[in-house]
N, C-alpha and C. Protein backbone atom coordinates (compact mmCIF):
# COMPACT_ATOMS: atom_id res chain seq x y z
N UNK A 1 -5.54 60.69 -7.06
CA UNK A 1 -4.81 61.47 -6.64
C UNK A 1 -4.83 63.10 -7.27
N UNK A 2 -4.75 64.28 -6.87
CA UNK A 2 -4.55 65.18 -7.65
C UNK A 2 -3.05 65.49 -7.67
N UNK A 3 -2.83 66.22 -8.93
CA UNK A 3 -1.31 66.64 -9.07
C UNK A 3 -1.07 68.07 -8.81
N UNK A 4 0.25 68.52 -8.81
CA UNK A 4 0.24 69.90 -8.27
C UNK A 4 0.69 70.46 -9.61
N UNK A 5 0.85 71.89 -10.05
CA UNK A 5 1.10 72.39 -10.97
C UNK A 5 2.84 72.09 -11.47
N UNK A 6 3.62 71.67 -10.00
CA UNK A 6 5.12 71.15 -10.25
C UNK A 6 5.13 70.14 -10.83
N UNK A 7 4.47 69.52 -9.92
CA UNK A 7 4.64 67.84 -10.36
C UNK A 7 4.21 67.45 -11.98
N UNK A 8 3.21 68.44 -12.15
CA UNK A 8 3.21 68.05 -13.35
C UNK A 8 3.91 68.32 -14.34
N UNK A 9 4.38 70.05 -14.49
CA UNK A 9 5.84 70.79 -14.84
C UNK A 9 6.95 69.78 -14.89
N UNK A 10 6.94 68.79 -13.53
CA UNK A 10 8.38 68.33 -13.84
C UNK A 10 8.42 66.97 -14.74
N UNK A 11 6.84 66.45 -14.59
CA UNK A 11 6.63 65.04 -15.93
C UNK A 11 6.89 65.79 -17.12
N UNK A 12 6.61 66.87 -17.39
CA UNK A 12 6.34 67.28 -18.83
C UNK A 12 7.90 67.83 -19.41
N UNK A 13 8.32 68.05 -18.39
CA UNK A 13 9.89 68.28 -18.50
C UNK A 13 10.49 66.89 -18.64
N UNK A 14 10.55 65.88 -17.89
CA UNK A 14 11.18 65.06 -18.12
C UNK A 14 10.62 64.00 -19.64
N UNK A 15 9.74 64.09 -19.90
CA UNK A 15 8.99 63.49 -20.77
C UNK A 15 9.56 63.97 -22.02
N UNK A 16 10.01 65.65 -22.35
CA UNK A 16 10.35 66.65 -23.06
C UNK A 16 11.81 66.12 -23.47
N UNK A 17 12.60 65.82 -22.49
CA UNK A 17 13.78 64.93 -22.36
C UNK A 17 14.09 63.56 -23.25
N UNK A 18 13.23 62.85 -22.58
CA UNK A 18 12.68 61.53 -23.33
C UNK A 18 12.60 61.96 -24.55
N UNK A 19 11.85 62.19 -25.07
CA UNK A 19 11.45 62.58 -27.07
C UNK A 19 12.85 63.23 -26.91
N UNK A 20 13.23 63.82 -26.72
CA UNK A 20 14.64 64.71 -27.50
C UNK A 20 15.56 63.69 -27.37
N UNK A 21 16.16 63.31 -26.26
CA UNK A 21 16.56 61.77 -26.27
C UNK A 21 16.47 60.74 -27.70
N UNK A 22 15.56 60.32 -27.56
CA UNK A 22 15.17 59.59 -28.09
C UNK A 22 14.80 59.71 -29.79
N UNK A 23 14.67 61.18 -30.51
CA UNK A 23 14.84 61.69 -31.72
C UNK A 23 15.98 62.36 -32.18
N UNK A 24 16.59 62.15 -31.22
CA UNK A 24 18.49 62.78 -31.72
C UNK A 24 18.53 62.10 -33.21
N UNK A 25 18.68 62.95 -34.09
CA UNK A 25 19.35 62.53 -35.41
C UNK A 25 20.71 61.91 -35.51
N UNK A 26 21.28 62.24 -35.32
CA UNK A 26 22.81 61.43 -34.59
C UNK A 26 22.84 59.76 -34.12
N UNK A 27 21.62 59.98 -33.35
CA UNK A 27 21.15 58.56 -32.77
C UNK A 27 21.04 57.31 -33.62
N UNK A 28 19.98 57.99 -34.36
CA UNK A 28 19.26 57.29 -35.42
C UNK A 28 20.19 56.90 -36.30
N UNK A 29 20.78 57.56 -37.02
CA UNK A 29 22.03 57.56 -37.72
C UNK A 29 22.83 56.58 -37.40
N UNK A 30 23.70 56.56 -36.32
CA UNK A 30 24.39 55.76 -35.23
C UNK A 30 23.35 54.19 -35.27
N UNK A 31 22.49 54.17 -34.86
CA UNK A 31 21.68 52.68 -34.46
C UNK A 31 21.73 52.00 -35.91
N UNK A 32 21.55 53.01 -37.07
CA UNK A 32 21.24 52.35 -38.26
C UNK A 32 22.61 51.71 -38.93
N UNK A 33 23.51 52.49 -38.89
CA UNK A 33 24.70 52.17 -38.93
C UNK A 33 25.11 50.45 -38.24
N UNK A 34 25.01 50.58 -36.92
CA UNK A 34 25.13 49.33 -36.18
C UNK A 34 24.27 48.02 -36.58
N UNK A 35 23.38 48.88 -36.60
CA UNK A 35 22.22 47.39 -37.18
C UNK A 35 22.41 46.82 -38.27
N UNK A 36 22.98 47.77 -39.40
CA UNK A 36 23.54 47.34 -41.18
C UNK A 36 24.56 46.57 -40.87
N UNK A 37 26.00 46.80 -39.78
CA UNK A 37 26.86 46.19 -39.74
C UNK A 37 27.24 45.08 -39.23
N UNK A 38 25.73 44.58 -38.35
CA UNK A 38 25.19 43.66 -37.43
C UNK A 38 24.87 42.02 -38.61
N UNK A 39 24.58 42.77 -39.87
CA UNK A 39 24.53 41.88 -41.38
C UNK A 39 25.80 41.54 -41.88
N UNK A 40 27.00 41.80 -41.45
CA UNK A 40 28.48 42.25 -41.86
C UNK A 40 28.27 41.70 -43.27
N UNK A 41 27.48 43.16 -44.05
CA UNK A 41 28.21 43.39 -45.18
C UNK A 41 29.72 43.33 -46.03
N UNK A 42 29.21 42.93 -47.38
CA UNK A 42 31.07 42.55 -47.70
C UNK A 42 31.34 44.20 -47.90
N UNK A 43 32.76 43.66 -47.59
CA UNK A 43 33.76 45.69 -47.75
C UNK A 43 34.23 45.24 -49.88
N UNK A 44 33.31 46.68 -50.18
CA UNK A 44 33.80 46.42 -51.84
C UNK A 44 35.11 47.28 -51.76
N UNK A 45 36.42 46.98 -52.56
CA UNK A 45 36.93 47.64 -52.71
C UNK A 45 37.34 48.07 -54.41
N UNK A 46 36.24 47.69 -55.25
CA UNK A 46 36.68 48.22 -56.46
C UNK A 46 37.51 47.37 -57.31
N UNK A 47 38.12 47.86 -58.22
CA UNK A 47 39.13 47.43 -59.28
C UNK A 47 38.25 46.55 -60.57
N UNK A 48 38.40 45.81 -61.75
CA UNK A 48 37.80 45.57 -62.45
C UNK A 48 36.99 44.16 -62.29
N UNK A 49 35.97 44.29 -62.14
CA UNK A 49 35.53 43.05 -61.22
C UNK A 49 33.25 43.27 -61.49
N UNK A 50 33.41 43.19 -62.62
CA UNK A 50 32.59 43.27 -63.12
C UNK A 50 30.98 42.50 -62.15
N UNK A 51 31.29 41.31 -62.09
CA UNK A 51 30.74 40.05 -61.34
C UNK A 51 30.55 40.49 -59.88
N UNK A 52 31.73 40.89 -59.33
CA UNK A 52 32.02 41.00 -58.04
C UNK A 52 31.12 42.40 -57.44
N UNK A 53 31.03 43.32 -58.58
CA UNK A 53 30.68 44.40 -58.72
C UNK A 53 28.81 44.46 -58.29
N UNK A 54 28.39 43.27 -58.93
CA UNK A 54 26.90 42.86 -59.24
C UNK A 54 26.36 42.24 -57.77
N UNK A 55 27.65 41.38 -57.39
CA UNK A 55 27.34 40.54 -56.55
C UNK A 55 27.03 40.95 -55.11
N UNK A 56 28.34 42.04 -55.08
CA UNK A 56 28.14 43.22 -53.66
C UNK A 56 26.59 43.96 -53.94
N UNK A 57 26.56 44.30 -54.68
CA UNK A 57 25.03 45.33 -55.05
C UNK A 57 24.22 44.64 -54.33
N UNK A 58 23.78 43.32 -55.50
CA UNK A 58 22.40 42.51 -55.11
C UNK A 58 22.97 41.96 -53.29
N UNK A 59 23.92 42.03 -52.73
CA UNK A 59 24.50 41.52 -51.50
C UNK A 59 23.73 42.76 -50.44
N UNK A 60 24.00 43.83 -50.46
CA UNK A 60 23.68 45.10 -49.78
C UNK A 60 21.91 45.09 -49.57
N UNK A 61 21.68 45.34 -51.41
CA UNK A 61 20.24 45.36 -51.07
C UNK A 61 19.33 44.43 -50.53
N UNK A 62 19.93 42.94 -50.11
CA UNK A 62 18.99 42.03 -49.48
C UNK A 62 18.88 43.08 -47.88
N UNK A 63 20.15 43.51 -47.12
CA UNK A 63 20.07 43.95 -46.42
C UNK A 63 19.46 45.06 -46.22
N UNK A 64 18.91 46.60 -47.13
CA UNK A 64 18.47 47.55 -47.43
C UNK A 64 17.25 47.32 -47.45
N UNK A 65 16.61 45.96 -48.05
CA UNK A 65 15.50 45.96 -47.74
C UNK A 65 14.86 45.00 -46.32
N UNK A 66 15.73 44.80 -46.03
CA UNK A 66 15.23 44.12 -44.40
C UNK A 66 15.15 45.19 -43.44
N UNK A 67 16.30 46.11 -43.92
CA UNK A 67 16.11 47.24 -42.77
C UNK A 67 14.93 48.34 -42.86
N UNK A 68 14.67 47.92 -44.47
CA UNK A 68 13.59 49.43 -44.82
C UNK A 68 14.45 50.22 -45.26
N UNK A 69 15.27 50.72 -45.57
CA UNK A 69 16.31 51.92 -45.96
C UNK A 69 15.89 52.52 -47.12
N UNK A 70 15.98 53.99 -46.47
CA UNK A 70 15.42 55.55 -47.93
C UNK A 70 16.38 55.11 -48.57
N UNK A 71 16.51 55.73 -50.11
CA UNK A 71 17.51 55.66 -50.69
C UNK A 71 18.29 56.52 -50.46
N UNK A 72 18.21 57.46 -49.59
CA UNK A 72 19.09 58.32 -48.71
C UNK A 72 20.03 57.06 -48.11
N UNK A 73 19.31 56.69 -47.18
CA UNK A 73 20.13 55.77 -45.78
C UNK A 73 21.06 54.77 -46.71
N UNK A 74 20.68 54.07 -47.97
CA UNK A 74 20.98 53.12 -48.62
C UNK A 74 21.99 54.12 -48.95
N UNK A 75 22.55 54.59 -49.47
CA UNK A 75 23.92 55.48 -49.76
C UNK A 75 24.63 55.57 -48.94
N UNK A 76 24.41 56.36 -47.86
CA UNK A 76 25.13 56.27 -46.64
C UNK A 76 25.76 55.00 -46.55
N UNK A 77 25.12 54.15 -46.48
CA UNK A 77 25.46 53.19 -45.80
C UNK A 77 26.10 52.30 -46.84
N UNK A 78 25.92 52.08 -47.94
CA UNK A 78 26.94 51.28 -48.81
C UNK A 78 28.12 51.97 -48.93
N UNK A 79 28.12 53.59 -49.01
CA UNK A 79 29.47 53.93 -49.31
C UNK A 79 30.20 53.74 -47.74
N UNK A 80 29.97 53.52 -46.90
CA UNK A 80 30.65 53.30 -45.72
C UNK A 80 31.43 52.13 -45.72
N UNK A 81 30.90 51.03 -46.37
CA UNK A 81 31.83 50.01 -46.65
C UNK A 81 32.51 49.60 -48.26
N UNK A 82 32.92 50.83 -48.59
CA UNK A 82 33.56 51.20 -49.66
C UNK A 82 34.75 51.23 -49.26
N UNK A 83 36.02 50.74 -49.69
CA UNK A 83 37.07 50.56 -49.46
C UNK A 83 38.49 51.28 -50.39
N UNK A 84 39.83 51.58 -50.73
CA UNK A 84 40.58 51.66 -51.56
C UNK A 84 39.61 51.93 -52.86
N UNK A 85 40.14 51.23 -53.88
CA UNK A 85 39.38 52.30 -55.48
C UNK A 85 38.16 52.95 -55.25
N UNK A 86 37.18 51.51 -54.74
CA UNK A 86 35.88 51.81 -54.28
C UNK A 86 35.70 53.35 -53.91
N UNK A 87 35.91 53.54 -53.10
CA UNK A 87 36.31 54.72 -52.75
C UNK A 87 36.91 55.74 -52.87
N UNK A 88 37.79 55.95 -53.48
CA UNK A 88 38.43 56.61 -54.37
C UNK A 88 37.39 57.13 -55.38
N UNK A 89 36.95 56.45 -56.04
CA UNK A 89 35.81 56.18 -56.93
C UNK A 89 34.70 57.05 -56.60
N UNK A 90 34.16 56.94 -55.40
CA UNK A 90 33.27 57.64 -54.68
C UNK A 90 33.27 59.13 -54.26
N UNK A 91 34.65 59.35 -53.86
CA UNK A 91 34.60 60.67 -53.74
C UNK A 91 34.96 61.65 -54.81
N UNK A 92 35.60 60.50 -56.23
CA UNK A 92 35.20 61.68 -57.34
C UNK A 92 34.04 62.09 -57.62
N UNK A 93 32.75 61.04 -57.19
CA UNK A 93 31.78 61.09 -58.44
C UNK A 93 31.42 62.34 -57.01
N UNK A 94 31.29 62.15 -55.88
CA UNK A 94 30.92 63.06 -55.47
C UNK A 94 31.31 65.00 -55.13
N UNK A 95 32.88 65.00 -56.12
CA UNK A 95 33.04 66.10 -56.28
C UNK A 95 32.21 66.60 -57.61
N UNK A 96 32.24 66.17 -58.96
CA UNK A 96 31.86 66.07 -60.09
C UNK A 96 30.06 66.25 -59.59
N UNK A 97 29.45 65.66 -58.47
CA UNK A 97 27.96 66.00 -58.59
C UNK A 97 27.53 67.21 -57.50
N UNK A 98 28.63 67.58 -56.98
CA UNK A 98 28.42 68.63 -56.06
C UNK A 98 27.55 68.13 -54.59
């Protein structure tokens, strides 16, 4: 069946809206965080605990690998589960490195 120009334009507009919605960078980040949290990563609070820090890194690296995370996403997601002293440390690092 022949399509009118109006029908084609309407279909293209609908397709553009779907593509824009599905490629929303904020939505991707939110979904990535949701997927990360479904893995129940351990919260890291810091303090002097070298063995605990190594264990935490190993645990989140397993999750990152399973999710196929980029280095940037590893940082974003890893920082999300830092609390207390570990979060203070991270804020200081960000200030120093800009």
